[in-house]
Amino acid sequence: MRLRHNHPYAKPRIVHNYLDDDDDRQRLREGVRICMGIARENRLTGMLDADLRAAADAGLAPLSDRDADIDDYLRAQSFSSYHPSGTCMLGQGRRPTRPRS
């Protein structure tokens, strides 16, 4: 996190380092490959106007199943949205909440 400006109400610049960890990329690649497999299913391709190759040419899918192509696609198309959360205590008193058996 870095300051953008010395004004106290200026928003900071936050770099989340998404896709920096190899484990994150590997998990995302697996998910993309599952989606690509679904998109190639005969039961689905008959209902689509174009095939996966046309989607890839339009930048809507990776060019191939290769790690490098999927990584390029993820870098170009991945994004995050802000989801505010808090650190307030949940449950009663000082005891942590526990799942019911």
Protein backbone atom coordinates (compact mmCIF):
# COMPACT_ATOMS: atom_id res chain seq x y z
CA MET A 1 0.00 0.00 0.00
CA ARG A 2 1.29 3.46 -0.86
CA LEU A 3 0.03 6.96 -0.47
CA ARG A 4 -1.07 8.68 -3.67
CA HIS A 5 -1.09 12.13 -2.16
CA ASN A 6 -0.26 13.86 1.10
CA HIS A 7 -3.87 14.95 1.59
CA PRO A 8 -5.31 12.95 4.54
CA TYR A 9 -8.50 12.02 2.67
CA ALA A 10 -6.79 10.85 -0.50
CA LYS A 11 -7.32 7.16 -1.23
CA PRO A 12 -4.19 5.00 -0.93
CA ARG A 13 -2.85 2.93 -3.81
CA ILE A 14 -3.28 -0.72 -2.89
CA VAL A 15 -1.52 -3.41 -4.90
CA HIS A 16 -2.99 -6.81 -3.99
CA ASN A 17 -0.41 -8.86 -5.89
CA TYR A 18 -3.08 -11.04 -7.44
CA LEU A 19 -1.67 -13.92 -9.48
CA ASP A 20 1.79 -13.50 -7.94
CA ASP A 21 1.65 -16.84 -6.11
CA ASP A 22 2.10 -19.95 -8.26
CA ASP A 23 -0.53 -21.83 -6.22
CA ASP A 24 -3.12 -19.15 -7.05
CA ARG A 25 -2.32 -19.39 -10.75
CA GLN A 26 -2.43 -23.20 -10.69
CA ARG A 27 -5.88 -23.23 -9.06
CA LEU A 28 -7.22 -20.68 -11.52
CA ARG A 29 -5.77 -22.63 -14.45
CA GLU A 30 -7.57 -25.76 -13.25
CA GLY A 31 -10.85 -23.84 -13.08
CA VAL A 32 -10.35 -22.37 -16.55
CA ARG A 33 -9.60 -25.82 -17.97
CA ILE A 34 -12.80 -27.17 -16.43
CA CYS A 35 -14.74 -24.31 -18.03
CA MET A 36 -13.06 -24.92 -21.38
CA GLY A 37 -13.98 -28.60 -21.15
CA ILE A 38 -17.61 -27.71 -20.48
CA ALA A 39 -17.60 -25.27 -23.42
CA ARG A 40 -16.38 -28.11 -25.71
CA GLU A 41 -19.16 -30.51 -24.71
CA ASN A 42 -21.26 -31.57 -27.70
CA ARG A 43 -24.47 -30.96 -25.75
CA LEU A 44 -23.49 -27.30 -25.36
CA THR A 45 -21.72 -26.52 -28.63
CA GLY A 46 -24.90 -27.14 -30.61
CA MET A 47 -26.61 -24.28 -28.77
CA LEU A 48 -23.79 -21.76 -29.20
CA ASP A 49 -23.36 -19.30 -32.06
CA ALA A 50 -19.58 -19.77 -32.10
CA ASP A 51 -17.01 -22.24 -30.85
CA LEU A 52 -14.33 -21.78 -28.20
CA ARG A 53 -11.79 -20.77 -30.85
CA ALA A 54 -13.95 -17.80 -31.88
CA ALA A 55 -14.26 -16.82 -28.21
CA ALA A 56 -10.47 -17.01 -27.87
CA ASP A 57 -10.00 -14.85 -30.98
CA ALA A 58 -12.31 -12.27 -29.38
CA GLY A 59 -10.29 -12.36 -26.13
CA LEU A 60 -13.07 -14.13 -24.23
CA ALA A 61 -11.19 -17.39 -23.67
CA PRO A 62 -7.56 -18.55 -23.62
CA LEU A 63 -5.96 -19.33 -26.98
CA SER A 64 -5.16 -22.89 -25.85
CA ASP A 65 -4.92 -25.18 -22.82
CA ARG A 66 -1.23 -24.31 -22.37
CA ASP A 67 -0.30 -22.76 -19.00
CA ALA A 68 1.21 -19.71 -20.70
CA ASP A 69 -1.95 -19.01 -22.74
CA ILE A 70 -4.19 -19.42 -19.72
CA ASP A 71 -1.91 -17.17 -17.65
CA ASP A 72 -2.02 -14.50 -20.39
CA TYR A 73 -5.80 -14.73 -20.45
CA LEU A 74 -6.04 -14.48 -16.65
CA ARG A 75 -3.75 -11.44 -16.53
CA ALA A 76 -5.81 -9.71 -19.21
CA GLN A 77 -9.30 -10.62 -17.99
CA SER A 78 -9.15 -11.08 -14.21
CA PHE A 79 -10.36 -8.38 -11.90
CA SER A 80 -11.46 -7.93 -8.35
CA SER A 81 -14.29 -6.01 -6.82
CA TYR A 82 -14.24 -4.26 -3.51
CA HIS A 83 -16.00 -6.19 -0.77
CA PRO A 84 -15.96 -4.34 2.53
CA SER A 85 -15.70 -6.46 5.63
CA GLY A 86 -15.18 -5.87 9.28
CA THR A 87 -13.53 -7.32 12.31
CA CYS A 88 -16.44 -7.11 14.71
CA MET A 89 -16.96 -10.03 17.04
CA LEU A 90 -19.63 -12.58 16.16
CA GLY A 91 -21.42 -14.59 18.79
CA GLN A 92 -22.05 -13.91 22.45
CA GLY A 93 -19.61 -12.65 25.04
CA ARG A 94 -15.93 -13.49 24.82
CA ARG A 95 -16.33 -17.12 23.76
CA PRO A 96 -15.63 -17.79 20.09
CA THR A 97 -18.48 -19.26 18.09
CA ARG A 98 -18.22 -23.00 17.50
CA PRO A 99 -20.02 -25.18 15.00
CA ARG A 100 -22.84 -27.23 16.47
CA SER A 101 -22.22 -30.97 16.60
